[in-house]
Amino acid sequence: MDPTFSFRTELWLWQSETATAWVFANLPEDESDEIADIVPERRGFGSVKVRARIMTEEKTVEWTTSLFPSTQYGCYMLPIKAAIRKKSGRDTGDTADFEVDILMD
């Protein structure tokens, strides 16, 4: 069974110098540390494959993506595409409940 982590956090906008913008949700440090301990081999850029869920009062939206480690924030970051934000009704500045299943294979 794949390990699952639950957390509540705010969606935030990251923008690069080339004007590329991404929306992320940071995992708490404790959960990030535990994930780093249980995932021995990471993929490119240190990413960890996950099944993610954003949960609202109205619905749950699930998708497959990867967590990316951030040395700047000291945690993993969960990218949230525009289609997921639209389906969930959540966007930058909103706080949401999340679950991530670490896909071990």
N, C-alpha and C. Protein backbone atom coordinates (compact mmCIF):
# COMPACT_ATOMS: atom_id res chain seq x y z
N MET A 1 0.85 -1.19 0.00
CA MET A 1 0.00 0.00 0.00
C MET A 1 0.89 1.25 0.00
N ASP A 2 0.54 2.19 -0.83
CA ASP A 2 1.32 3.42 -0.94
C ASP A 2 1.05 4.35 0.26
N PRO A 3 2.10 4.94 0.85
CA PRO A 3 1.91 5.85 1.98
C PRO A 3 1.13 7.10 1.56
N THR A 4 0.25 7.56 2.43
CA THR A 4 -0.58 8.74 2.16
C THR A 4 -0.28 9.82 3.20
N PHE A 5 -0.20 11.05 2.73
CA PHE A 5 0.03 12.20 3.60
C PHE A 5 -1.09 13.21 3.38
N SER A 6 -1.63 13.75 4.47
CA SER A 6 -2.70 14.74 4.43
C SER A 6 -2.19 16.05 5.02
N PHE A 7 -2.60 17.16 4.41
CA PHE A 7 -2.17 18.46 4.91
C PHE A 7 -3.09 19.55 4.37
N ARG A 8 -3.04 20.69 5.00
CA ARG A 8 -3.79 21.88 4.58
C ARG A 8 -2.77 22.97 4.34
N THR A 9 -2.87 23.61 3.17
CA THR A 9 -1.90 24.65 2.84
C THR A 9 -2.47 25.61 1.80
N GLU A 10 -1.75 26.69 1.58
CA GLU A 10 -2.17 27.72 0.63
C GLU A 10 -1.53 27.50 -0.74
N LEU A 11 -2.27 27.78 -1.79
CA LEU A 11 -1.74 27.74 -3.15
C LEU A 11 -1.04 29.07 -3.41
N TRP A 12 0.14 28.99 -4.02
CA TRP A 12 0.91 30.22 -4.25
C TRP A 12 1.50 30.22 -5.66
N LEU A 13 1.79 31.39 -6.16
CA LEU A 13 2.28 31.59 -7.52
C LEU A 13 3.79 31.76 -7.52
N TRP A 14 4.46 30.97 -8.36
CA TRP A 14 5.90 31.10 -8.58
C TRP A 14 6.08 31.59 -10.00
N GLN A 15 6.86 32.63 -10.19
CA GLN A 15 7.09 33.17 -11.52
C GLN A 15 8.58 33.30 -11.77
N SER A 16 9.01 32.82 -12.93
CA SER A 16 10.44 32.87 -13.25
C SER A 16 10.78 34.16 -13.98
N GLU A 17 12.05 34.36 -14.20
CA GLU A 17 12.52 35.56 -14.92
C GLU A 17 12.03 35.57 -16.37
N THR A 18 11.68 34.39 -16.89
CA THR A 18 11.19 34.31 -18.28
C THR A 18 9.67 34.44 -18.36
N ALA A 19 9.05 34.85 -17.26
CA ALA A 19 7.61 35.08 -17.18
C ALA A 19 6.80 33.80 -17.16
N THR A 20 7.45 32.65 -16.98
CA THR A 20 6.71 31.41 -16.82
C THR A 20 6.16 31.38 -15.40
N ALA A 21 4.88 31.09 -15.27
CA ALA A 21 4.25 31.07 -13.95
C ALA A 21 3.72 29.67 -13.65
N TRP A 22 3.91 29.25 -12.41
CA TRP A 22 3.41 27.97 -11.92
C TRP A 22 2.72 28.21 -10.59
N VAL A 23 1.72 27.40 -10.29
CA VAL A 23 1.07 27.45 -8.99
C VAL A 23 1.45 26.19 -8.23
N PHE A 24 1.85 26.38 -6.97
CA PHE A 24 2.28 25.27 -6.13
C PHE A 24 1.55 25.30 -4.79
N ALA A 25 1.60 24.16 -4.12
CA ALA A 25 1.23 24.04 -2.71
C ALA A 25 2.41 23.39 -2.02
N ASN A 26 2.94 24.01 -0.98
CA ASN A 26 4.08 23.45 -0.25
C ASN A 26 3.59 22.44 0.77
N LEU A 27 4.26 21.29 0.81
CA LEU A 27 3.99 20.31 1.86
C LEU A 27 4.66 20.79 3.13
N PRO A 28 4.08 20.49 4.28
CA PRO A 28 4.74 20.86 5.55
C PRO A 28 6.10 20.17 5.67
N GLU A 29 7.00 20.78 6.43
CA GLU A 29 8.36 20.25 6.58
C GLU A 29 8.39 18.83 7.14
N ASP A 30 7.57 18.54 8.15
CA ASP A 30 7.57 17.20 8.75
C ASP A 30 7.21 16.13 7.72
N GLU A 31 6.16 16.38 6.94
CA GLU A 31 5.75 15.43 5.91
C GLU A 31 6.83 15.32 4.83
N SER A 32 7.43 16.44 4.47
CA SER A 32 8.50 16.43 3.47
C SER A 32 9.68 15.60 3.93
N ASP A 33 10.06 15.76 5.20
CA ASP A 33 11.17 14.98 5.75
C ASP A 33 10.85 13.48 5.75
N GLU A 34 9.62 13.14 6.11
CA GLU A 34 9.22 11.73 6.13
C GLU A 34 9.22 11.13 4.73
N ILE A 35 8.76 11.89 3.74
CA ILE A 35 8.77 11.43 2.35
C ILE A 35 10.20 11.20 1.89
N ALA A 36 11.08 12.13 2.20
CA ALA A 36 12.49 11.99 1.81
C ALA A 36 13.10 10.73 2.42
N ASP A 37 12.66 10.37 3.62
CA ASP A 37 13.17 9.17 4.28
C ASP A 37 12.66 7.87 3.66
N ILE A 38 11.42 7.87 3.17
CA ILE A 38 10.84 6.61 2.67
C ILE A 38 11.03 6.40 1.18
N VAL A 39 11.46 7.42 0.44
CA VAL A 39 11.65 7.28 -1.00
C VAL A 39 13.16 7.24 -1.27
N PRO A 40 13.72 6.05 -1.40
CA PRO A 40 15.17 5.94 -1.55
C PRO A 40 15.68 6.44 -2.90
N GLU A 41 14.96 6.16 -3.96
CA GLU A 41 15.41 6.58 -5.29
C GLU A 41 14.44 7.61 -5.84
N ARG A 42 14.97 8.75 -6.16
CA ARG A 42 14.13 9.80 -6.73
C ARG A 42 14.41 9.93 -8.20
N ARG A 43 13.44 10.44 -8.91
CA ARG A 43 13.57 10.62 -10.35
C ARG A 43 14.27 11.95 -10.63
N GLY A 44 14.20 12.40 -11.90
CA GLY A 44 14.84 13.65 -12.30
C GLY A 44 14.50 14.81 -11.39
N PHE A 45 15.48 15.65 -11.11
CA PHE A 45 15.36 16.83 -10.25
C PHE A 45 14.97 16.46 -8.82
N GLY A 46 15.10 15.18 -8.45
CA GLY A 46 14.73 14.74 -7.11
C GLY A 46 13.24 14.58 -6.92
N SER A 47 12.50 14.48 -8.04
CA SER A 47 11.04 14.42 -7.96
C SER A 47 10.56 13.08 -7.42
N VAL A 48 9.34 13.09 -6.88
CA VAL A 48 8.70 11.91 -6.31
C VAL A 48 7.31 11.81 -6.94
N LYS A 49 7.02 10.67 -7.58
CA LYS A 49 5.73 10.48 -8.25
C LYS A 49 4.63 10.27 -7.20
N VAL A 50 3.49 10.97 -7.39
CA VAL A 50 2.38 10.90 -6.44
C VAL A 50 1.03 10.89 -7.15
N ARG A 51 0.04 10.41 -6.42
CA ARG A 51 -1.36 10.61 -6.78
C ARG A 51 -1.85 11.65 -5.79
N ALA A 52 -2.32 12.78 -6.28
CA ALA A 52 -2.71 13.90 -5.40
C ALA A 52 -4.21 14.11 -5.44
N ARG A 53 -4.73 14.62 -4.34
CA ARG A 53 -6.14 14.99 -4.26
C ARG A 53 -6.25 16.35 -3.59
N ILE A 54 -7.07 17.20 -4.18
CA ILE A 54 -7.43 18.47 -3.53
C ILE A 54 -8.90 18.32 -3.17
N MET A 55 -9.21 18.57 -1.90
CA MET A 55 -10.55 18.30 -1.40
C MET A 55 -11.23 19.59 -0.96
N THR A 56 -12.44 19.78 -1.44
CA THR A 56 -13.25 20.92 -1.03
C THR A 56 -14.55 20.38 -0.44
N GLU A 57 -15.38 21.26 0.04
CA GLU A 57 -16.68 20.84 0.57
C GLU A 57 -17.53 20.22 -0.52
N GLU A 58 -17.34 20.68 -1.75
CA GLU A 58 -18.18 20.24 -2.87
C GLU A 58 -17.68 18.98 -3.55
N LYS A 59 -16.36 18.80 -3.64
CA LYS A 59 -15.82 17.67 -4.42
C LYS A 59 -14.38 17.40 -4.09
N THR A 60 -13.91 16.27 -4.61
CA THR A 60 -12.50 15.89 -4.55
C THR A 60 -12.00 15.75 -5.97
N VAL A 61 -10.86 16.38 -6.27
CA VAL A 61 -10.25 16.29 -7.59
C VAL A 61 -8.94 15.54 -7.44
N GLU A 62 -8.77 14.49 -8.24
CA GLU A 62 -7.57 13.64 -8.14
C GLU A 62 -6.79 13.69 -9.44
N TRP A 63 -5.45 13.65 -9.32
CA TRP A 63 -4.59 13.62 -10.49
C TRP A 63 -3.25 13.02 -10.12
N THR A 64 -2.49 12.62 -11.14
CA THR A 64 -1.15 12.08 -10.94
C THR A 64 -0.13 13.13 -11.36
N THR A 65 0.88 13.32 -10.53
CA THR A 65 1.90 14.33 -10.79
C THR A 65 3.16 13.94 -10.02
N SER A 66 4.06 14.87 -9.84
CA SER A 66 5.27 14.65 -9.05
C SER A 66 5.45 15.79 -8.07
N LEU A 67 6.02 15.46 -6.92
CA LEU A 67 6.47 16.47 -5.96
C LEU A 67 7.89 16.86 -6.33
N PHE A 68 8.24 18.11 -6.12
CA PHE A 68 9.59 18.58 -6.40
C PHE A 68 10.20 19.17 -5.14
N PRO A 69 11.44 18.78 -4.83
CA PRO A 69 12.06 19.32 -3.62
C PRO A 69 12.49 20.77 -3.83
N SER A 70 12.36 21.56 -2.79
CA SER A 70 12.79 22.95 -2.83
C SER A 70 13.79 23.20 -1.71
N THR A 71 15.01 23.52 -2.09
CA THR A 71 15.99 23.88 -1.07
C THR A 71 15.66 25.26 -0.48
N GLN A 72 15.04 26.10 -1.28
CA GLN A 72 14.66 27.45 -0.82
C GLN A 72 13.65 27.38 0.32
N TYR A 73 12.66 26.49 0.21
CA TYR A 73 11.59 26.40 1.20
C TYR A 73 11.79 25.24 2.18
N GLY A 74 12.74 24.34 1.89
CA GLY A 74 13.00 23.22 2.79
C GLY A 74 11.88 22.21 2.84
N CYS A 75 11.20 22.02 1.70
CA CYS A 75 10.08 21.10 1.66
C CYS A 75 9.84 20.64 0.22
N TYR A 76 8.89 19.73 0.05
CA TYR A 76 8.46 19.38 -1.30
C TYR A 76 7.36 20.33 -1.73
N MET A 77 7.29 20.58 -3.04
CA MET A 77 6.26 21.44 -3.61
C MET A 77 5.41 20.60 -4.55
N LEU A 78 4.10 20.80 -4.48
CA LEU A 78 3.13 20.11 -5.32
C LEU A 78 2.64 21.08 -6.39
N PRO A 79 2.95 20.81 -7.69
CA PRO A 79 2.47 21.70 -8.74
C PRO A 79 0.98 21.46 -9.00
N ILE A 80 0.25 22.54 -9.24
CA ILE A 80 -1.19 22.42 -9.46
C ILE A 80 -1.54 23.13 -10.76
N LYS A 81 -1.81 22.33 -11.80
CA LYS A 81 -2.11 22.86 -13.13
C LYS A 81 -3.43 23.63 -13.14
N ALA A 82 -3.57 24.47 -14.14
CA ALA A 82 -4.78 25.29 -14.28
C ALA A 82 -6.05 24.44 -14.34
N ALA A 83 -6.01 23.32 -15.04
CA ALA A 83 -7.21 22.47 -15.16
C ALA A 83 -7.64 21.93 -13.79
N ILE A 84 -6.68 21.60 -12.94
CA ILE A 84 -6.99 21.10 -11.60
C ILE A 84 -7.56 22.23 -10.75
N ARG A 85 -6.97 23.41 -10.86
CA ARG A 85 -7.49 24.57 -10.10
C ARG A 85 -8.91 24.88 -10.52
N LYS A 86 -9.17 24.82 -11.80
CA LYS A 86 -10.52 25.12 -12.31
C LYS A 86 -11.53 24.09 -11.81
N LYS A 87 -11.18 22.80 -11.90
CA LYS A 87 -12.09 21.74 -11.44
C LYS A 87 -12.37 21.83 -9.95
N SER A 88 -11.36 22.21 -9.17
CA SER A 88 -11.52 22.26 -7.71
C SER A 88 -12.10 23.57 -7.21
N GLY A 89 -12.06 24.60 -8.05
CA GLY A 89 -12.54 25.91 -7.62
C GLY A 89 -11.58 26.62 -6.68
N ARG A 90 -10.32 26.19 -6.69
CA ARG A 90 -9.29 26.81 -5.84
C ARG A 90 -8.21 27.42 -6.72
N ASP A 91 -7.62 28.52 -6.26
CA ASP A 91 -6.57 29.18 -7.03
C ASP A 91 -5.60 29.87 -6.08
N THR A 92 -4.66 30.58 -6.65
CA THR A 92 -3.62 31.26 -5.89
C THR A 92 -4.22 32.05 -4.73
N GLY A 93 -3.64 31.87 -3.54
CA GLY A 93 -4.11 32.57 -2.35
C GLY A 93 -5.15 31.81 -1.56
N ASP A 94 -5.76 30.78 -2.17
CA ASP A 94 -6.75 29.97 -1.46
C ASP A 94 -6.03 28.90 -0.64
N THR A 95 -6.64 28.52 0.46
CA THR A 95 -6.16 27.41 1.27
C THR A 95 -7.03 26.21 0.97
N ALA A 96 -6.39 25.03 0.89
CA ALA A 96 -7.14 23.81 0.56
C ALA A 96 -6.58 22.63 1.34
N ASP A 97 -7.40 21.58 1.42
CA ASP A 97 -6.99 20.32 2.02
C ASP A 97 -6.49 19.41 0.90
N PHE A 98 -5.35 18.77 1.15
CA PHE A 98 -4.72 17.90 0.17
C PHE A 98 -4.43 16.54 0.78
N GLU A 99 -4.37 15.54 -0.08
CA GLU A 99 -3.80 14.23 0.24
C GLU A 99 -2.88 13.87 -0.91
N VAL A 100 -1.75 13.26 -0.59
CA VAL A 100 -0.86 12.73 -1.62
C VAL A 100 -0.50 11.30 -1.25
N ASP A 101 -0.64 10.40 -2.21
CA ASP A 101 -0.19 9.02 -2.08
C ASP A 101 1.16 8.94 -2.77
N ILE A 102 2.18 8.49 -2.07
CA ILE A 102 3.50 8.31 -2.67
C ILE A 102 3.46 7.02 -3.48
N LEU A 103 3.71 7.12 -4.78
CA LEU A 103 3.67 5.95 -5.65
C LEU A 103 5.03 5.29 -5.63
N MET A 104 5.11 4.20 -4.91
CA MET A 104 6.39 3.56 -4.63
C MET A 104 6.95 2.75 -5.80
N ASP A 105 6.14 2.38 -6.81
CA ASP A 105 6.72 1.64 -7.93
C ASP A 105 6.87 2.46 -9.15
